[in-house]
C-alpha atoms as a PDB file:
ATOM      1  CA  MET A   1       0.022   0.013  -0.002  1.00  0.00           C
ATOM      2  CA  GLU A   2       1.342   3.392  -0.961  1.00  0.00           C
ATOM      3  CA  LEU A   3       1.432   6.305   1.395  1.00  0.00           C
ATOM      4  CA  ILE A   4      -0.773   9.333   0.861  1.00  0.00           C
ATOM      5  CA  PRO A   5      -0.459  12.733   2.507  1.00  0.00           C
ATOM      6  CA  THR A   6      -2.920  13.722   5.224  1.00  0.00           C
ATOM      7  CA  GLU A   7      -4.105  17.231   5.936  1.00  0.00           C
ATOM      8  CA  ASN A   8      -1.294  17.884   8.385  1.00  0.00           C
ATOM      9  CA  GLY A   9       1.435  16.731   6.009  1.00  0.00           C
ATOM     10  CA  ALA A  10       2.119  13.398   7.702  1.00  0.00           C
ATOM     11  CA  ASP A  11       1.968  10.116   5.829  1.00  0.00           C
ATOM     12  CA  SER A  12      -0.629   7.501   6.645  1.00  0.00           C
ATOM     13  CA  THR A  13      -1.978   4.313   5.170  1.00  0.00           C
ATOM     14  CA  TYR A  14      -5.670   3.738   4.475  1.00  0.00           C
ATOM     15  CA  ASP A  15      -7.630   0.535   4.439  1.00  0.00           C
ATOM     16  CA  VAL A  16     -10.883   1.955   3.084  1.00  0.00           C
ATOM     17  CA  LEU A  17     -12.263   5.104   1.485  1.00  0.00           C
ATOM     18  CA  ILE A  18     -15.964   5.722   1.380  1.00  0.00           C
ATOM     19  CA  PRO A  19     -17.375   8.406  -0.910  1.00  0.00           C
ATOM     20  CA  GLY A  20     -20.841   9.888  -0.345  1.00  0.00           C
ATOM     21  CA  ASP A  21     -22.795  12.737   1.164  1.00  0.00           C
ATOM     22  CA  TYR A  22     -23.464  13.118   4.918  1.00  0.00           C
ATOM     23  CA  PHE A  23     -26.798  13.431   6.650  1.00  0.00           C
ATOM     24  CA  CYS A  24     -27.465  14.791  10.105  1.00  0.00           C
ATOM     25  CA  ASP A  25     -30.408  12.953  11.734  1.00  0.00           C
ATOM     26  CA  VAL A  26     -32.559  14.633  14.338  1.00  0.00           C
ATOM     27  CA  ILE A  27     -34.578  11.804  15.907  1.00  0.00           C
ATOM     28  CA  PHE A  28     -37.553  12.172  18.230  1.00  0.00           C
ATOM     29  CA  THR A  29     -38.615   9.026  20.169  1.00  0.00           C
ATOM     30  CA  GLY A  30     -41.070   8.225  22.932  1.00  0.00           C
ATOM     31  CA  LEU A  31     -43.997   9.683  20.988  1.00  0.00           C
ATOM     32  CA  THR A  32     -47.477   8.511  21.944  1.00  0.00           C
ATOM     33  CA  GLU A  33     -49.268   9.812  18.852  1.00  0.00           C
ATOM     34  CA  PHE A  34     -48.666  11.263  15.430  1.00  0.00           C
ATOM     35  CA  PRO A  35     -48.745  15.075  15.285  1.00  0.00           C
ATOM     36  CA  ALA A  36     -51.759  16.681  13.630  1.00  0.00           C
ATOM     37  CA  LEU A  37     -52.035  20.124  12.157  1.00  0.00           C
ATOM     38  CA  ASN A  38     -52.507  22.919  14.656  1.00  0.00           C
ATOM     39  CA  THR A  39     -51.398  20.696  17.550  1.00  0.00           C
ATOM     40  CA  GLU A  40     -48.159  20.192  19.474  1.00  0.00           C
ATOM     41  CA  ILE A  41     -46.890  16.949  20.961  1.00  0.00           C
ATOM     42  CA  TYR A  42     -43.772  16.216  23.020  1.00  0.00           C
ATOM     43  CA  SER A  43     -41.319  13.352  22.770  1.00  0.00           C
ATOM     44  CA  THR A  44     -39.502  11.829  25.715  1.00  0.00           C
ATOM     45  CA  HIS A  45     -36.130  11.562  23.982  1.00  0.00           C
ATOM     46  CA  LEU A  46     -34.151  13.443  21.386  1.00  0.00           C
ATOM     47  CA  ASN A  47     -30.995  12.319  19.586  1.00  0.00           C
ATOM     48  CA  VAL A  48     -28.882  14.187  17.056  1.00  0.00           C
ATOM     49  CA  VAL A  49     -26.586  11.765  15.265  1.00  0.00           C
ATOM     50  CA  PRO A  50     -24.624  11.434  11.987  1.00  0.00           C
ATOM     51  CA  GLY A  51     -26.676   9.801   9.272  1.00  0.00           C
ATOM     52  CA  GLY A  52     -26.430   8.403   5.757  1.00  0.00           C
ATOM     53  CA  GLY A  53     -24.795   5.217   4.589  1.00  0.00           C
ATOM     54  CA  ALA A  54     -21.399   6.790   3.977  1.00  0.00           C
ATOM     55  CA  LEU A  55     -20.874   8.077   7.505  1.00  0.00           C
ATOM     56  CA  ASN A  56     -22.556   5.159   9.216  1.00  0.00           C
ATOM     57  CA  THR A  57     -20.210   2.688   7.572  1.00  0.00           C
ATOM     58  CA  THR A  58     -17.187   4.994   7.948  1.00  0.00           C
ATOM     59  CA  ILE A  59     -17.748   5.304  11.723  1.00  0.00           C
ATOM     60  CA  GLY A  60     -18.446   1.535  11.997  1.00  0.00           C
ATOM     61  CA  LEU A  61     -15.216   0.610  10.287  1.00  0.00           C
ATOM     62  CA  ARG A  62     -13.209   3.072  12.372  1.00  0.00           C
ATOM     63  CA  ARG A  63     -14.540   1.614  15.636  1.00  0.00           C
ATOM     64  CA  LEU A  64     -13.413  -1.824  14.362  1.00  0.00           C
ATOM     65  CA  GLY A  65      -9.860  -0.544  14.096  1.00  0.00           C
ATOM     66  CA  MET A  66      -9.748   0.169  10.346  1.00  0.00           C
ATOM     67  CA  ASN A  67      -8.026   3.241   9.000  1.00  0.00           C
ATOM     68  CA  VAL A  68     -10.843   4.717   6.981  1.00  0.00           C
ATOM     69  CA  GLY A  69     -11.407   7.981   5.196  1.00  0.00           C
ATOM     70  CA  TRP A  70     -14.619   9.647   4.144  1.00  0.00           C
ATOM     71  CA  VAL A  71     -14.703  11.297   0.751  1.00  0.00           C
ATOM     72  CA  GLY A  72     -17.333  13.967   1.128  1.00  0.00           C
ATOM     73  CA  ARG A  73     -18.073  17.636   1.493  1.00  0.00           C
ATOM     74  CA  LEU A  74     -18.923  19.992   4.362  1.00  0.00           C
ATOM     75  CA  GLY A  75     -20.223  23.568   4.288  1.00  0.00           C
ATOM     76  CA  ASN A  76     -20.100  26.493   6.662  1.00  0.00           C
ATOM     77  CA  ASP A  77     -23.412  25.691   8.341  1.00  0.00           C
ATOM     78  CA  PHE A  78     -24.303  24.345  11.804  1.00  0.00           C
ATOM     79  CA  PHE A  79     -24.966  20.789  10.633  1.00  0.00           C
ATOM     80  CA  SER A  80     -21.668  20.539   8.731  1.00  0.00           C
ATOM     81  CA  ALA A  81     -19.839  21.771  11.856  1.00  0.00           C
ATOM     82  CA  PHE A  82     -21.591  19.091  13.911  1.00  0.00           C
ATOM     83  CA  ILE A  83     -20.451  16.361  11.504  1.00  0.00           C
ATOM     84  CA  ASP A  84     -16.875  17.777  11.531  1.00  0.00           C
ATOM     85  CA  GLN A  85     -16.840  17.458  15.344  1.00  0.00           C
ATOM     86  CA  VAL A  86     -18.041  13.861  15.163  1.00  0.00           C
ATOM     87  CA  LEU A  87     -15.351  12.895  12.700  1.00  0.00           C
ATOM     88  CA  GLN A  88     -12.672  14.400  14.931  1.00  0.00           C
ATOM     89  CA  ARG A  89     -14.090  12.659  17.995  1.00  0.00           C
ATOM     90  CA  GLU A  90     -14.106   9.289  16.216  1.00  0.00           C
ATOM     91  CA  GLY A  91     -10.563   9.723  14.923  1.00  0.00           C
ATOM     92  CA  ILE A  92     -11.544   9.662  11.232  1.00  0.00           C
ATOM     93  CA  SER A  93      -9.309  11.352   8.699  1.00  0.00           C
ATOM     94  CA  THR A  94     -10.658  14.579   7.176  1.00  0.00           C
ATOM     95  CA  ALA A  95      -8.016  14.596   4.439  1.00  0.00           C
ATOM     96  CA  PHE A  96     -10.511  13.900   1.700  1.00  0.00           C
ATOM     97  CA  ILE A  97     -13.207  16.407   2.669  1.00  0.00           C
ATOM     98  CA  GLU A  98     -14.016  19.229   0.265  1.00  0.00           C
ATOM     99  CA  ARG A  99     -14.914  22.329   2.339  1.00  0.00           C
ATOM    100  CA  LEU A 100     -17.342  24.730   0.772  1.00  0.00           C
ATOM    101  CA  ASP A 101     -17.781  28.341   1.776  1.00  0.00           C
ATOM    102  CA  GLN A 102     -21.556  27.999   1.665  1.00  0.00           C
ATOM    103  CA  PRO A 103     -24.289  26.139   3.521  1.00  0.00           C
ATOM    104  CA  LEU A 104     -24.373  22.435   2.872  1.00  0.00           C
ATOM    105  CA  ARG A 105     -27.317  21.284   4.930  1.00  0.00           C
ATOM    106  CA  ARG A 106     -28.386  17.670   4.634  1.00  0.00           C
ATOM    107  CA  VAL A 107     -30.835  17.084   7.466  1.00  0.00           C
ATOM    108  CA  THR A 108     -33.507  14.499   8.273  1.00  0.00           C
ATOM    109  CA  VAL A 109     -35.978  14.893  11.129  1.00  0.00           C
ATOM    110  CA  ALA A 110     -37.331  11.476  12.133  1.00  0.00           C
ATOM    111  CA  LEU A 111     -40.365  10.732  14.262  1.00  0.00           C
ATOM    112  CA  SER A 112     -39.608   7.192  15.507  1.00  0.00           C
ATOM    113  CA  TYR A 113     -42.376   4.886  16.792  1.00  0.00           C
ATOM    114  CA  PRO A 114     -42.043   1.264  17.894  1.00  0.00           C
ATOM    115  CA  GLU A 115     -43.660  -0.035  14.695  1.00  0.00           C
ATOM    116  CA  ASP A 116     -42.764   2.661  12.097  1.00  0.00           C
ATOM    117  CA  ARG A 117     -41.116   5.967  11.393  1.00  0.00           C
ATOM    118  CA  ALA A 118     -41.880   9.189   9.546  1.00  0.00           C
ATOM    119  CA  PHE A 119     -39.234  11.476   7.982  1.00  0.00           C
ATOM    120  CA  VAL A 120     -38.861  15.031   6.795  1.00  0.00           C
ATOM    121  CA  SER A 121     -35.622  15.815   4.978  1.00  0.00           C
ATOM    122  CA  TYR A 122     -33.896  18.815   3.471  1.00  0.00           C
ATOM    123  CA  VAL A 123     -30.775  18.978   1.285  1.00  0.00           C
ATOM    124  CA  ASP A 124     -29.089  21.997  -0.263  1.00  0.00           C
ATOM    125  CA  ASP A 125     -28.862  21.721  -4.023  1.00  0.00           C
ATOM    126  CA  ILE A 126     -25.206  21.381  -5.026  1.00  0.00           C
ATOM    127  CA  PRO A 127     -23.402  19.046  -7.504  1.00  0.00           C
ATOM    128  CA  ASP A 128     -23.010  15.477  -6.318  1.00  0.00           C
ATOM    129  CA  TRP A 129     -19.841  14.073  -4.827  1.00  0.00           C
ATOM    130  CA  MET A 130     -18.749  12.198  -7.975  1.00  0.00           C
ATOM    131  CA  ASP A 131     -16.703  15.111  -9.375  1.00  0.00           C
ATOM    132  CA  HIS A 132     -14.798  15.380  -6.103  1.00  0.00           C
ATOM    133  CA  ALA A 133     -14.133  11.613  -6.012  1.00  0.00           C
ATOM    134  CA  LEU A 134     -12.939  11.580  -9.632  1.00  0.00           C
ATOM    135  CA  ALA A 135     -10.546  14.408  -8.945  1.00  0.00           C
ATOM    136  CA  LEU A 136      -9.017  12.539  -6.018  1.00  0.00           C
ATOM    137  CA  LEU A 137      -8.626   9.195  -7.751  1.00  0.00           C
ATOM    138  CA  GLU A 138      -5.253   9.862  -9.349  1.00  0.00           C
ATOM    139  CA  HIS A 139      -3.745  11.130  -6.091  1.00  0.00           C
ATOM    140  CA  ILE A 140      -4.678   8.285  -3.750  1.00  0.00           C
ATOM    141  CA  HIS A 141      -4.066   4.602  -3.374  1.00  0.00           C
ATOM    142  CA  VAL A 142      -5.884   2.511  -0.818  1.00  0.00           C
ATOM    143  CA  ARG A 143      -6.793  -1.139  -0.431  1.00  0.00           C
ATOM    144  CA  HIS A 144     -10.517  -0.821  -0.865  1.00  0.00           C
ATOM    145  CA  ILE A 145     -13.261   1.632  -1.880  1.00  0.00           C
ATOM    146  CA  HIS A 146     -16.816   1.103  -0.639  1.00  0.00           C
ATOM    147  CA  PHE A 147     -19.843   2.830  -2.157  1.00  0.00           C
ATOM    148  CA  PRO A 148     -22.716   3.103   0.312  1.00  0.00           C
ATOM    149  CA  GLY A 149     -25.391   2.909  -2.393  1.00  0.00           C
ATOM    150  CA  LEU A 150     -25.882   1.841  -5.998  1.00  0.00           C
ATOM    151  CA  VAL A 151     -24.388   4.666  -8.030  1.00  0.00           C
ATOM    152  CA  ILE A 152     -25.883   4.979 -11.512  1.00  0.00           C
ATOM    153  CA  ASP A 153     -23.577   7.315 -13.398  1.00  0.00           C
ATOM    154  CA  SER A 154     -22.148   6.957 -16.927  1.00  0.00           C
ATOM    155  CA  ARG A 155     -18.763   8.037 -15.583  1.00  0.00           C
ATOM    156  CA  LEU A 156     -18.565   5.255 -13.051  1.00  0.00           C
ATOM    157  CA  PRO A 157     -17.489   2.267 -15.225  1.00  0.00           C
ATOM    158  CA  SER A 158     -14.279   3.977 -16.286  1.00  0.00           C
ATOM    159  CA  MET A 159     -13.669   5.079 -12.673  1.00  0.00           C
ATOM    160  CA  LEU A 160     -14.079   1.517 -11.421  1.00  0.00           C
ATOM    161  CA  ASP A 161     -11.725   0.244 -14.174  1.00  0.00           C
ATOM    162  CA  ARG A 162      -9.140   2.748 -13.052  1.00  0.00           C
ATOM    163  CA  CYS A 163      -9.505   1.633  -9.407  1.00  0.00           C
ATOM    164  CA  HIS A 164      -8.807  -1.963 -10.431  1.00  0.00           C
ATOM    165  CA  GLN A 165      -5.756  -0.809 -12.358  1.00  0.00           C
ATOM    166  CA  LEU A 166      -4.571   0.791  -9.127  1.00  0.00           C
ATOM    167  CA  ARG A 167      -5.187  -2.558  -7.324  1.00  0.00           C
ATOM    168  CA  MET A 168      -8.063  -1.314  -5.232  1.00  0.00           C
ATOM    169  CA  SER A 169     -10.917  -3.732  -4.508  1.00  0.00           C
ATOM    170  CA  LEU A 170     -14.471  -2.425  -4.718  1.00  0.00           C
ATOM    171  CA  SER A 171     -17.755  -2.993  -2.893  1.00  0.00           C
ATOM    172  CA  MET A 172     -21.164  -1.413  -3.144  1.00  0.00           C
ATOM    173  CA  ASP A 173     -24.367  -1.413  -1.135  1.00  0.00           C
ATOM    174  CA  CYS A 174     -27.644  -0.939  -2.962  1.00  0.00           C
ATOM    175  CA  GLN A 175     -30.207   1.202  -1.091  1.00  0.00           C
ATOM    176  CA  TYR A 176     -33.523   1.890  -2.791  1.00  0.00           C
ATOM    177  CA  ARG A 177     -33.277   2.405  -6.524  1.00  0.00           C
ATOM    178  CA  GLY A 178     -35.895   2.077  -9.242  1.00  0.00           C
ATOM    179  CA  GLU A 179     -33.512   0.629 -11.828  1.00  0.00           C
ATOM    180  CA  THR A 180     -33.189  -3.103 -12.571  1.00  0.00           C
ATOM    181  CA  LEU A 181     -30.680  -5.430 -14.181  1.00  0.00           C
ATOM    182  CA  SER A 182     -32.445  -4.825 -17.455  1.00  0.00           C
ATOM    183  CA  ASP A 183     -30.754  -1.411 -17.536  1.00  0.00           C
ATOM    184  CA  PRO A 184     -27.408  -1.959 -19.340  1.00  0.00           C
ATOM    185  CA  LEU A 185     -25.594   0.644 -17.257  1.00  0.00           C
ATOM    186  CA  VAL A 186     -26.614  -1.122 -14.032  1.00  0.00           C
ATOM    187  CA  SER A 187     -25.224  -4.410 -15.261  1.00  0.00           C
ATOM    188  CA  GLU A 188     -22.101  -2.699 -16.545  1.00  0.00           C
ATOM    189  CA  ILE A 189     -21.443  -1.177 -13.141  1.00  0.00           C
ATOM    190  CA  LEU A 190     -22.170  -4.321 -11.105  1.00  0.00           C
ATOM    191  CA  ALA A 191     -19.906  -6.380 -13.366  1.00  0.00           C
ATOM    192  CA  ARG A 192     -16.968  -4.201 -12.253  1.00  0.00           C
ATOM    193  CA  LEU A 193     -17.476  -4.758  -8.504  1.00  0.00           C
ATOM    194  CA  ASP A 194     -15.730  -7.277  -6.273  1.00  0.00           C
ATOM    195  CA  ILE A 195     -18.581  -7.331  -3.704  1.00  0.00           C
ATOM    196  CA  PHE A 196     -22.231  -6.330  -3.987  1.00  0.00           C
ATOM    197  CA  MET A 197     -24.221  -6.016  -0.693  1.00  0.00           C
ATOM    198  CA  PRO A 198     -27.943  -5.432  -1.147  1.00  0.00           C
ATOM    199  CA  ASN A 199     -30.650  -6.536   1.250  1.00  0.00           C
ATOM    200  CA  ALA A 200     -33.059  -9.227   0.121  1.00  0.00           C
ATOM    201  CA  ARG A 201     -35.766  -6.880  -1.023  1.00  0.00           C
ATOM    202  CA  GLU A 202     -33.333  -4.764  -3.019  1.00  0.00           C
ATOM    203  CA  ALA A 203     -31.823  -7.862  -4.626  1.00  0.00           C
ATOM    204  CA  MET A 204     -35.180  -9.200  -5.720  1.00  0.00           C
ATOM    205  CA  ARG A 205     -36.239  -5.833  -7.072  1.00  0.00           C
ATOM    206  CA  LEU A 206     -33.059  -5.535  -9.125  1.00  0.00           C
ATOM    207  CA  ALA A 207     -33.463  -9.064 -10.508  1.00  0.00           C
ATOM    208  CA  GLN A 208     -37.266  -8.590 -11.017  1.00  0.00           C
ATOM    209  CA  THR A 209     -38.200 -11.698  -9.109  1.00  0.00           C
ATOM    210  CA  ASP A 210     -39.913 -12.575  -5.828  1.00  0.00           C
ATOM    211  CA  GLN A 211     -37.536 -15.493  -5.154  1.00  0.00           C
ATOM    212  CA  ILE A 212     -34.323 -14.633  -3.332  1.00  0.00           C
ATOM    213  CA  GLU A 213     -32.486 -17.645  -4.735  1.00  0.00           C
ATOM    214  CA  GLU A 214     -33.212 -16.429  -8.286  1.00  0.00           C
ATOM    215  CA  ALA A 215     -32.014 -12.970  -7.351  1.00  0.00           C
ATOM    216  CA  VAL A 216     -28.755 -14.298  -5.909  1.00  0.00           C
ATOM    217  CA  SER A 217     -28.203 -16.352  -9.044  1.00  0.00           C
ATOM    218  CA  ALA A 218     -28.794 -13.401 -11.356  1.00  0.00           C
ATOM    219  CA  LEU A 219     -26.473 -11.123  -9.372  1.00  0.00           C
ATOM    220  CA  ALA A 220     -23.800 -13.795  -9.081  1.00  0.00           C
ATOM    221  CA  GLY A 221     -23.690 -13.873 -12.854  1.00  0.00           C
ATOM    222  CA  LEU A 222     -22.288 -10.345 -12.682  1.00  0.00           C
ATOM    223  CA  VAL A 223     -20.530 -10.001  -9.325  1.00  0.00           C
ATOM    224  CA  PRO A 224     -18.050 -12.570  -7.942  1.00  0.00           C
ATOM    225  CA  TYR A 225     -19.070 -11.997  -4.302  1.00  0.00           C
ATOM    226  CA  VAL A 226     -22.766 -11.438  -3.632  1.00  0.00           C
ATOM    227  CA  VAL A 227     -23.753 -10.677  -0.021  1.00  0.00           C
ATOM    228  CA  ILE A 228     -27.438 -10.487   0.965  1.00  0.00           C
ATOM    229  CA  LYS A 229     -28.722  -8.966   4.224  1.00  0.00           C
ATOM    230  CA  GLU A 230     -31.929 -10.753   5.312  1.00  0.00           C
ATOM    231  CA  GLY A 231     -32.844  -9.085   8.608  1.00  0.00           C
ATOM    232  CA  GLU A 232     -34.250 -11.673  11.050  1.00  0.00           C
ATOM    233  CA  ALA A 233     -33.056 -14.470   8.748  1.00  0.00           C
ATOM    234  CA  GLY A 234     -29.421 -13.361   9.129  1.00  0.00           C
ATOM    235  CA  SER A 235     -27.302 -13.012   5.987  1.00  0.00           C
ATOM    236  CA  ARG A 236     -26.112 -15.084   3.079  1.00  0.00           C
ATOM    237  CA  ALA A 237     -23.447 -14.952   0.426  1.00  0.00           C
ATOM    238  CA  LYS A 238     -22.456 -16.624  -2.800  1.00  0.00           C
ATOM    239  CA  TYR A 239     -18.722 -16.716  -3.518  1.00  0.00           C
ATOM    240  CA  GLN A 240     -16.774 -18.930  -5.891  1.00  0.00           C
ATOM    241  CA  GLU A 241     -19.883 -21.015  -6.649  1.00  0.00           C
ATOM    242  CA  GLN A 242     -20.398 -21.753  -2.970  1.00  0.00           C
ATOM    243  CA  HIS A 243     -23.328 -20.673  -0.783  1.00  0.00           C
ATOM    244  CA  TYR A 244     -22.824 -19.436   2.786  1.00  0.00           C
ATOM    245  CA  HIS A 245     -25.222 -18.426   5.560  1.00  0.00           C
ATOM    246  CA  SER A 246     -24.907 -16.917   9.048  1.00  0.00           C
ATOM    247  CA  PRO A 247     -27.865 -16.687  11.449  1.00  0.00           C
ATOM    248  CA  VAL A 248     -29.053 -13.441  12.975  1.00  0.00           C
ATOM    249  CA  VAL A 249     -27.482 -12.313  16.248  1.00  0.00           C
ATOM    250  CA  PRO A 250     -30.417 -11.717  18.654  1.00  0.00           C
ATOM    251  CA  ALA A 251     -30.904  -8.148  19.898  1.00  0.00           C
ATOM    252  CA  GLU A 252     -33.536  -6.031  21.564  1.00  0.00           C
ATOM    253  CA  VAL A 253     -34.497  -3.727  18.741  1.00  0.00           C
ATOM    254  CA  VAL A 254     -34.836  -0.032  19.529  1.00  0.00           C
ATOM    255  CA  ASP A 255     -34.249   1.479  16.070  1.00  0.00           C
ATOM    256  CA  THR A 256     -33.251  -0.275  12.846  1.00  0.00           C
ATOM    257  CA  THR A 257     -31.800   2.835  11.265  1.00  0.00           C
ATOM    258  CA  GLY A 258     -28.337   2.123   9.801  1.00  0.00           C
ATOM    259  CA  ALA A 259     -28.386  -1.624  10.552  1.00  0.00           C
ATOM    260  CA  GLY A 260     -27.392  -2.463   7.016  1.00  0.00           C
ATOM    261  CA  ASP A 261     -24.574   0.058   7.083  1.00  0.00           C
ATOM    262  CA  ALA A 262     -23.322  -1.444  10.323  1.00  0.00           C
ATOM    263  CA  PHE A 263     -23.423  -4.882   8.755  1.00  0.00           C
ATOM    264  CA  ASN A 264     -21.332  -3.569   5.848  1.00  0.00           C
ATOM    265  CA  ALA A 265     -18.703  -2.266   8.310  1.00  0.00           C
ATOM    266  CA  GLY A 266     -18.413  -5.599  10.091  1.00  0.00           C
ATOM    267  CA  PHE A 267     -18.358  -7.606   6.922  1.00  0.00           C
ATOM    268  CA  LEU A 268     -15.691  -5.403   5.256  1.00  0.00           C
ATOM    269  CA  ALA A 269     -13.478  -5.323   8.335  1.00  0.00           C
ATOM    270  CA  ALA A 270     -13.391  -9.141   8.312  1.00  0.00           C
ATOM    271  CA  TYR A 271     -13.022  -9.348   4.519  1.00  0.00           C
ATOM    272  CA  LEU A 272     -10.045  -7.030   4.538  1.00  0.00           C
ATOM    273  CA  GLN A 273      -8.404  -9.267   7.119  1.00  0.00           C
ATOM    274  CA  GLY A 274      -8.706 -12.201   4.689  1.00  0.00           C
ATOM    275  CA  ARG A 275     -11.371 -14.024   6.728  1.00  0.00           C
ATOM    276  CA  GLU A 276     -13.630 -16.747   5.335  1.00  0.00           C
ATOM    277  CA  PRO A 277     -17.151 -15.846   4.076  1.00  0.00           C
ATOM    278  CA  VAL A 278     -19.010 -17.194   7.079  1.00  0.00           C
ATOM    279  CA  GLU A 279     -16.777 -15.224   9.426  1.00  0.00           C
ATOM    280  CA  CYS A 280     -17.387 -12.077   7.325  1.00  0.00           C
ATOM    281  CA  LEU A 281     -21.161 -12.606   7.547  1.00  0.00           C
ATOM    282  CA  THR A 282     -20.945 -13.232  11.287  1.00  0.00           C
ATOM    283  CA  TRP A 283     -18.993 -10.048  11.904  1.00  0.00           C
ATOM    284  CA  GLY A 284     -21.604  -8.163   9.870  1.00  0.00           C
ATOM    285  CA  ASN A 285     -24.494  -9.692  11.763  1.00  0.00           C
ATOM    286  CA  PHE A 286     -22.938  -8.851  15.094  1.00  0.00           C
ATOM    287  CA  CYS A 287     -22.425  -5.211  14.125  1.00  0.00           C
ATOM    288  CA  GLY A 288     -25.956  -4.967  12.773  1.00  0.00           C
ATOM    289  CA  SER A 289     -27.342  -6.425  15.997  1.00  0.00           C
ATOM    290  CA  ARG A 290     -25.476  -3.885  18.107  1.00  0.00           C
ATOM    291  CA  CYS A 291     -26.585  -1.015  15.916  1.00  0.00           C
ATOM    292  CA  VAL A 292     -30.314  -1.641  16.433  1.00  0.00           C
ATOM    293  CA  ARG A 293     -29.948  -1.348  20.243  1.00  0.00           C
ATOM    294  CA  GLY A 294     -29.669   2.426  20.040  1.00  0.00           C
ATOM    295  CA  ILE A 295     -31.233   5.441  18.367  1.00  0.00           C
ATOM    296  CA  GLY A 296     -29.770   6.304  14.983  1.00  0.00           C
ATOM    297  CA  GLY A 297     -27.184   4.517  12.895  1.00  0.00           C
ATOM    298  CA  THR A 298     -24.069   5.165  14.976  1.00  0.00           C
ATOM    299  CA  SER A 299     -24.896   5.517  18.654  1.00  0.00           C
ATOM    300  CA  THR A 300     -24.349   1.858  19.558  1.00  0.00           C
ATOM    301  CA  LEU A 301     -21.933   0.692  16.892  1.00  0.00           C
ATOM    302  CA  PRO A 302     -19.507  -1.757  18.504  1.00  0.00           C
ATOM    303  CA  THR A 303     -15.774  -1.355  19.008  1.00  0.00           C
ATOM    304  CA  ILE A 304     -13.241  -3.989  18.016  1.00  0.00           C
ATOM    305  CA  GLU A 305     -12.867  -4.879  21.694  1.00  0.00           C
ATOM    306  CA  GLU A 306     -16.604  -5.582  21.997  1.00  0.00           C
ATOM    307  CA  LEU A 307     -16.524  -7.705  18.864  1.00  0.00           C
ATOM    308  CA  GLN A 308     -13.503  -9.706  20.101  1.00  0.00           C
ATOM    309  CA  GLN A 309     -15.128 -10.241  23.479  1.00  0.00           C
ATOM    310  CA  TRP A 310     -18.339 -11.561  21.784  1.00  0.00           C
ATOM    311  CA  LEU A 311     -16.350 -13.854  19.533  1.00  0.00           C
ATOM    312  CA  ARG A 312     -14.631 -15.391  22.590  1.00  0.00           C
ATOM    313  CA  GLN A 313     -17.946 -16.420  24.101  1.00  0.00           C
ATOM    314  CA  PRO A 314     -18.702 -20.137  23.895  1.00  0.00           C
END
């Protein structure tokens, strides 16, 4: 692994870079009813936490001892300043952040109930992060790049090819997208990945089937390592023509926000250590189970010490 300069001029090695935009989540819990017009209700708890797949997975990987950088942008607003403080507290490099002299507010207010949630979001309209990531590509070299969602962009295939030329491995989550495998660009992008990590519903929608086995087969025809998150059923993978499964790790669920991102962090931490598929799935399941115990996607993400202690249990 080559060395790349950090913001203070020192040299450091990086395991993973994660491009994507931040969110700041303002979460109200302990609500007894849904607000109606011309009324006011009170919650019993309030949490303000980082949000979005990019930051959730970045923080998750950092707590597992990985040297991870976030490729994103911050503005001069209150919410950007809050995220900046979180990154510093977590010990995450800010070397790849583009700082804009303008507001860059990406905020979600969530009303969280035991059975469901409601959201109101706001984002400032600025160009996406792809231009920033492309500009960085020729100046960095890391082991792995993880995309927190399915990126559909005509510039991406050539970017992924260049990453492979630079000996970087690549993974991608899915998140909700309307496109399917019938879209040539989707197939072209997936075929360049080393790992694809959708949940079961996303995988079936992409493959246009209601059978998860058929979805896995279709995706495995494009991606060498297909990882499927199945919630209470645990997780599965297909790799080198072999099928793998790891059961769910039981947890008292408080909030499922960010559970898939936490799984990604655990899986990738194990994968980058060269561990076998079932171990990777198990690490992912553990991190997902710890995530759902708290409010928001990062408040109860586990540390490497907590993971090791759990693995030592009989």
